[in-house]
Amino acid sequence: MGSDISRPAVANVHVLSDFRLRVEFDNGETRIFDAKSYIQRHKLKMLKSVGYFALAFPNVRAVEWPRGETINLEALYDGSVAIAED
């Protein structure tokens, strides 16, 4: 298991089209996480529903859904792409 020590905490999450997440971290950084392949790899069947995927909410160390599905901080940060803010 990887260490979260050098990764900033999740501050907020916005659900985008095509199973992507715009994740805001507590260091001011904003990154885009494409969840499609993650959902497939981890067999998170409930997240394949667009309506259910839209229920994502932030947790300091993850993005979560109402029935307990999570994408952890390591996957979110390391698997996302930084975006420039205007």
N, C-alpha and C. Protein backbone atom coordinates (compact mmCIF):
# COMPACT_ATOMS: atom_id res chain seq x y z
N MET A 1 0.85 -1.18 0.00
CA MET A 1 0.00 0.00 0.00
C MET A 1 0.88 1.23 0.00
N GLY A 2 0.52 2.25 -0.80
CA GLY A 2 1.31 3.46 -0.90
C GLY A 2 1.06 4.39 0.27
N SER A 3 1.92 5.39 0.40
CA SER A 3 1.81 6.35 1.48
C SER A 3 1.16 7.63 0.99
N ASP A 4 0.27 8.19 1.81
CA ASP A 4 -0.42 9.43 1.47
C ASP A 4 0.31 10.65 2.00
N ILE A 5 1.45 10.46 2.66
CA ILE A 5 2.12 11.54 3.37
C ILE A 5 2.41 12.73 2.47
N SER A 6 2.87 12.52 1.25
CA SER A 6 3.24 13.64 0.39
C SER A 6 2.10 14.12 -0.49
N ARG A 7 0.93 13.53 -0.35
CA ARG A 7 -0.20 13.91 -1.19
C ARG A 7 -1.13 14.83 -0.42
N PRO A 8 -1.63 15.88 -1.08
CA PRO A 8 -2.58 16.77 -0.41
C PRO A 8 -3.93 16.08 -0.22
N ALA A 9 -4.70 16.56 0.72
CA ALA A 9 -6.03 16.00 1.00
C ALA A 9 -7.04 16.47 -0.04
N VAL A 10 -8.09 15.69 -0.22
CA VAL A 10 -9.19 16.07 -1.11
C VAL A 10 -10.03 17.14 -0.41
N ALA A 11 -10.22 18.27 -1.07
CA ALA A 11 -11.02 19.35 -0.50
C ALA A 11 -12.42 19.38 -1.09
N ASN A 12 -12.53 19.07 -2.38
CA ASN A 12 -13.82 19.11 -3.05
C ASN A 12 -13.77 18.26 -4.32
N VAL A 13 -14.93 17.85 -4.79
CA VAL A 13 -15.00 17.07 -6.02
C VAL A 13 -16.21 17.52 -6.83
N HIS A 14 -16.03 17.59 -8.13
CA HIS A 14 -17.11 17.92 -9.07
C HIS A 14 -17.17 16.81 -10.10
N VAL A 15 -18.34 16.30 -10.33
CA VAL A 15 -18.52 15.24 -11.32
C VAL A 15 -18.65 15.87 -12.70
N LEU A 16 -17.87 15.39 -13.64
CA LEU A 16 -17.89 15.86 -15.02
C LEU A 16 -18.49 14.78 -15.92
N SER A 17 -18.64 15.10 -17.16
CA SER A 17 -19.17 14.11 -18.12
C SER A 17 -18.17 12.98 -18.33
N ASP A 18 -18.66 11.89 -18.87
CA ASP A 18 -17.83 10.76 -19.29
C ASP A 18 -17.03 10.15 -18.13
N PHE A 19 -17.62 10.09 -16.94
CA PHE A 19 -17.02 9.45 -15.77
C PHE A 19 -15.67 10.06 -15.37
N ARG A 20 -15.64 11.37 -15.44
CA ARG A 20 -14.45 12.10 -14.99
C ARG A 20 -14.79 12.89 -13.73
N LEU A 21 -13.77 13.10 -12.91
CA LEU A 21 -13.92 13.88 -11.69
C LEU A 21 -12.95 15.04 -11.70
N ARG A 22 -13.45 16.20 -11.34
CA ARG A 22 -12.57 17.36 -11.13
C ARG A 22 -12.34 17.42 -9.62
N VAL A 23 -11.12 17.14 -9.21
CA VAL A 23 -10.81 17.03 -7.79
C VAL A 23 -9.98 18.24 -7.37
N GLU A 24 -10.45 18.93 -6.34
CA GLU A 24 -9.72 20.06 -5.77
C GLU A 24 -9.05 19.57 -4.49
N PHE A 25 -7.75 19.85 -4.38
CA PHE A 25 -6.98 19.42 -3.23
C PHE A 25 -6.70 20.60 -2.30
N ASP A 26 -6.38 20.29 -1.06
CA ASP A 26 -6.21 21.35 -0.06
C ASP A 26 -4.96 22.20 -0.26
N ASN A 27 -4.13 21.88 -1.22
CA ASN A 27 -2.97 22.70 -1.54
C ASN A 27 -3.28 23.70 -2.66
N GLY A 28 -4.57 23.75 -3.07
CA GLY A 28 -4.99 24.66 -4.13
C GLY A 28 -4.93 24.07 -5.52
N GLU A 29 -4.39 22.88 -5.64
CA GLU A 29 -4.27 22.22 -6.93
C GLU A 29 -5.61 21.61 -7.37
N THR A 30 -5.90 21.70 -8.66
CA THR A 30 -7.09 21.06 -9.23
C THR A 30 -6.63 20.10 -10.30
N ARG A 31 -7.19 18.87 -10.25
CA ARG A 31 -6.78 17.83 -11.18
C ARG A 31 -8.00 17.11 -11.72
N ILE A 32 -7.87 16.54 -12.92
CA ILE A 32 -8.94 15.76 -13.55
C ILE A 32 -8.58 14.28 -13.48
N PHE A 33 -9.51 13.50 -12.92
CA PHE A 33 -9.33 12.05 -12.81
C PHE A 33 -10.34 11.37 -13.72
N ASP A 34 -9.85 10.58 -14.67
CA ASP A 34 -10.72 9.81 -15.56
C ASP A 34 -10.96 8.47 -14.89
N ALA A 35 -12.19 8.24 -14.42
CA ALA A 35 -12.50 7.07 -13.61
C ALA A 35 -12.90 5.83 -14.41
N LYS A 36 -13.05 5.95 -15.72
CA LYS A 36 -13.55 4.82 -16.52
C LYS A 36 -12.73 3.54 -16.32
N SER A 37 -11.44 3.60 -16.52
CA SER A 37 -10.63 2.39 -16.40
C SER A 37 -10.53 1.94 -14.95
N TYR A 38 -10.52 2.87 -14.01
CA TYR A 38 -10.47 2.51 -12.59
C TYR A 38 -11.71 1.71 -12.20
N ILE A 39 -12.87 2.15 -12.66
CA ILE A 39 -14.14 1.46 -12.37
C ILE A 39 -14.09 0.03 -12.92
N GLN A 40 -13.58 -0.13 -14.13
CA GLN A 40 -13.47 -1.46 -14.74
C GLN A 40 -12.50 -2.36 -13.97
N ARG A 41 -11.32 -1.84 -13.68
CA ARG A 41 -10.27 -2.62 -12.99
C ARG A 41 -10.71 -3.07 -11.60
N HIS A 42 -11.44 -2.24 -10.92
CA HIS A 42 -11.80 -2.53 -9.53
C HIS A 42 -13.21 -3.07 -9.38
N LYS A 43 -13.84 -3.37 -10.52
CA LYS A 43 -15.17 -3.99 -10.52
C LYS A 43 -16.18 -3.24 -9.67
N LEU A 44 -16.20 -1.93 -9.82
CA LEU A 44 -17.14 -1.09 -9.08
C LEU A 44 -18.41 -0.91 -9.92
N LYS A 45 -19.21 -1.95 -10.00
CA LYS A 45 -20.37 -1.98 -10.89
C LYS A 45 -21.34 -0.83 -10.67
N MET A 46 -21.59 -0.46 -9.43
CA MET A 46 -22.55 0.61 -9.15
C MET A 46 -22.12 1.94 -9.79
N LEU A 47 -20.81 2.14 -9.90
CA LEU A 47 -20.32 3.41 -10.43
C LEU A 47 -20.48 3.52 -11.95
N LYS A 48 -20.89 2.43 -12.59
CA LYS A 48 -21.13 2.47 -14.04
C LYS A 48 -22.43 3.19 -14.37
N SER A 49 -23.27 3.44 -13.38
CA SER A 49 -24.50 4.18 -13.56
C SER A 49 -24.18 5.68 -13.48
N VAL A 50 -24.50 6.41 -14.54
CA VAL A 50 -24.22 7.85 -14.58
C VAL A 50 -24.88 8.57 -13.40
N GLY A 51 -26.12 8.20 -13.10
CA GLY A 51 -26.83 8.83 -11.99
C GLY A 51 -26.17 8.58 -10.65
N TYR A 52 -25.73 7.36 -10.42
CA TYR A 52 -25.08 7.03 -9.16
C TYR A 52 -23.69 7.66 -9.09
N PHE A 53 -22.96 7.63 -10.21
CA PHE A 53 -21.62 8.23 -10.25
C PHE A 53 -21.69 9.71 -9.85
N ALA A 54 -22.78 10.37 -10.24
CA ALA A 54 -22.96 11.79 -9.95
C ALA A 54 -23.12 12.09 -8.46
N LEU A 55 -23.29 11.07 -7.64
CA LEU A 55 -23.47 11.26 -6.19
C LEU A 55 -22.15 11.31 -5.42
N ALA A 56 -21.05 11.39 -6.13
CA ALA A 56 -19.73 11.42 -5.50
C ALA A 56 -19.62 12.59 -4.52
N PHE A 57 -18.90 12.34 -3.42
CA PHE A 57 -18.64 13.41 -2.46
C PHE A 57 -17.22 13.26 -1.91
N PRO A 58 -16.63 14.36 -1.46
CA PRO A 58 -15.24 14.31 -0.99
C PRO A 58 -15.12 13.77 0.43
N ASN A 59 -14.01 13.11 0.65
CA ASN A 59 -13.56 12.69 1.96
C ASN A 59 -12.08 13.06 1.94
N VAL A 60 -11.50 13.42 3.04
CA VAL A 60 -10.12 13.88 3.06
C VAL A 60 -9.16 12.96 2.32
N ARG A 61 -9.36 11.65 2.44
CA ARG A 61 -8.44 10.68 1.83
C ARG A 61 -9.04 9.93 0.64
N ALA A 62 -10.18 10.40 0.13
CA ALA A 62 -10.83 9.68 -0.97
C ALA A 62 -11.98 10.48 -1.54
N VAL A 63 -12.51 9.97 -2.65
CA VAL A 63 -13.82 10.38 -3.13
C VAL A 63 -14.70 9.17 -2.87
N GLU A 64 -15.89 9.41 -2.33
CA GLU A 64 -16.76 8.31 -1.93
C GLU A 64 -18.14 8.44 -2.56
N TRP A 65 -18.90 7.34 -2.45
CA TRP A 65 -20.29 7.28 -2.91
C TRP A 65 -21.14 6.74 -1.76
N PRO A 66 -22.45 6.96 -1.82
CA PRO A 66 -23.33 6.61 -0.70
C PRO A 66 -23.27 5.17 -0.20
N ARG A 67 -22.98 4.23 -1.04
CA ARG A 67 -22.95 2.82 -0.60
C ARG A 67 -21.55 2.34 -0.23
N GLY A 68 -20.64 3.28 -0.06
CA GLY A 68 -19.31 2.94 0.44
C GLY A 68 -18.22 2.76 -0.60
N GLU A 69 -18.53 2.88 -1.88
CA GLU A 69 -17.49 2.77 -2.91
C GLU A 69 -16.53 3.96 -2.73
N THR A 70 -15.26 3.70 -2.96
CA THR A 70 -14.27 4.77 -2.82
C THR A 70 -13.21 4.69 -3.91
N ILE A 71 -12.65 5.83 -4.21
CA ILE A 71 -11.42 5.92 -4.99
C ILE A 71 -10.46 6.64 -4.06
N ASN A 72 -9.40 5.95 -3.67
CA ASN A 72 -8.51 6.48 -2.63
C ASN A 72 -7.62 7.62 -3.13
N LEU A 73 -7.04 8.30 -2.17
CA LEU A 73 -6.22 9.48 -2.45
C LEU A 73 -5.06 9.17 -3.38
N GLU A 74 -4.39 8.07 -3.16
CA GLU A 74 -3.25 7.70 -3.99
C GLU A 74 -3.67 7.57 -5.46
N ALA A 75 -4.76 6.85 -5.70
CA ALA A 75 -5.26 6.67 -7.08
C ALA A 75 -5.70 8.01 -7.67
N LEU A 76 -6.42 8.80 -6.88
CA LEU A 76 -6.91 10.09 -7.36
C LEU A 76 -5.78 11.02 -7.77
N TYR A 77 -4.81 11.16 -6.89
CA TYR A 77 -3.74 12.13 -7.15
C TYR A 77 -2.77 11.63 -8.21
N ASP A 78 -2.32 10.40 -8.06
CA ASP A 78 -1.32 9.87 -8.99
C ASP A 78 -1.90 9.57 -10.37
N GLY A 79 -3.20 9.29 -10.43
CA GLY A 79 -3.84 8.95 -11.70
C GLY A 79 -4.55 10.10 -12.38
N SER A 80 -4.34 11.30 -11.88
CA SER A 80 -5.03 12.46 -12.46
C SER A 80 -4.06 13.39 -13.15
N VAL A 81 -4.62 14.34 -13.87
CA VAL A 81 -3.83 15.31 -14.63
C VAL A 81 -4.12 16.70 -14.08
N ALA A 82 -3.07 17.43 -13.77
CA ALA A 82 -3.24 18.80 -13.27
C ALA A 82 -3.80 19.70 -14.37
N ILE A 83 -4.68 20.61 -13.97
CA ILE A 83 -5.21 21.58 -14.92
C ILE A 83 -4.84 22.98 -14.47
N ALA A 84 -4.67 23.84 -15.43
CA ALA A 84 -4.33 25.23 -15.13
C ALA A 84 -5.60 25.99 -14.77
N GLU A 85 -5.51 26.80 -13.76
CA GLU A 85 -6.64 27.64 -13.37
C GLU A 85 -6.50 29.00 -14.05
N ASP A 86 -7.65 29.56 -14.41
CA ASP A 86 -7.64 30.89 -15.05
C ASP A 86 -7.29 31.97 -14.06
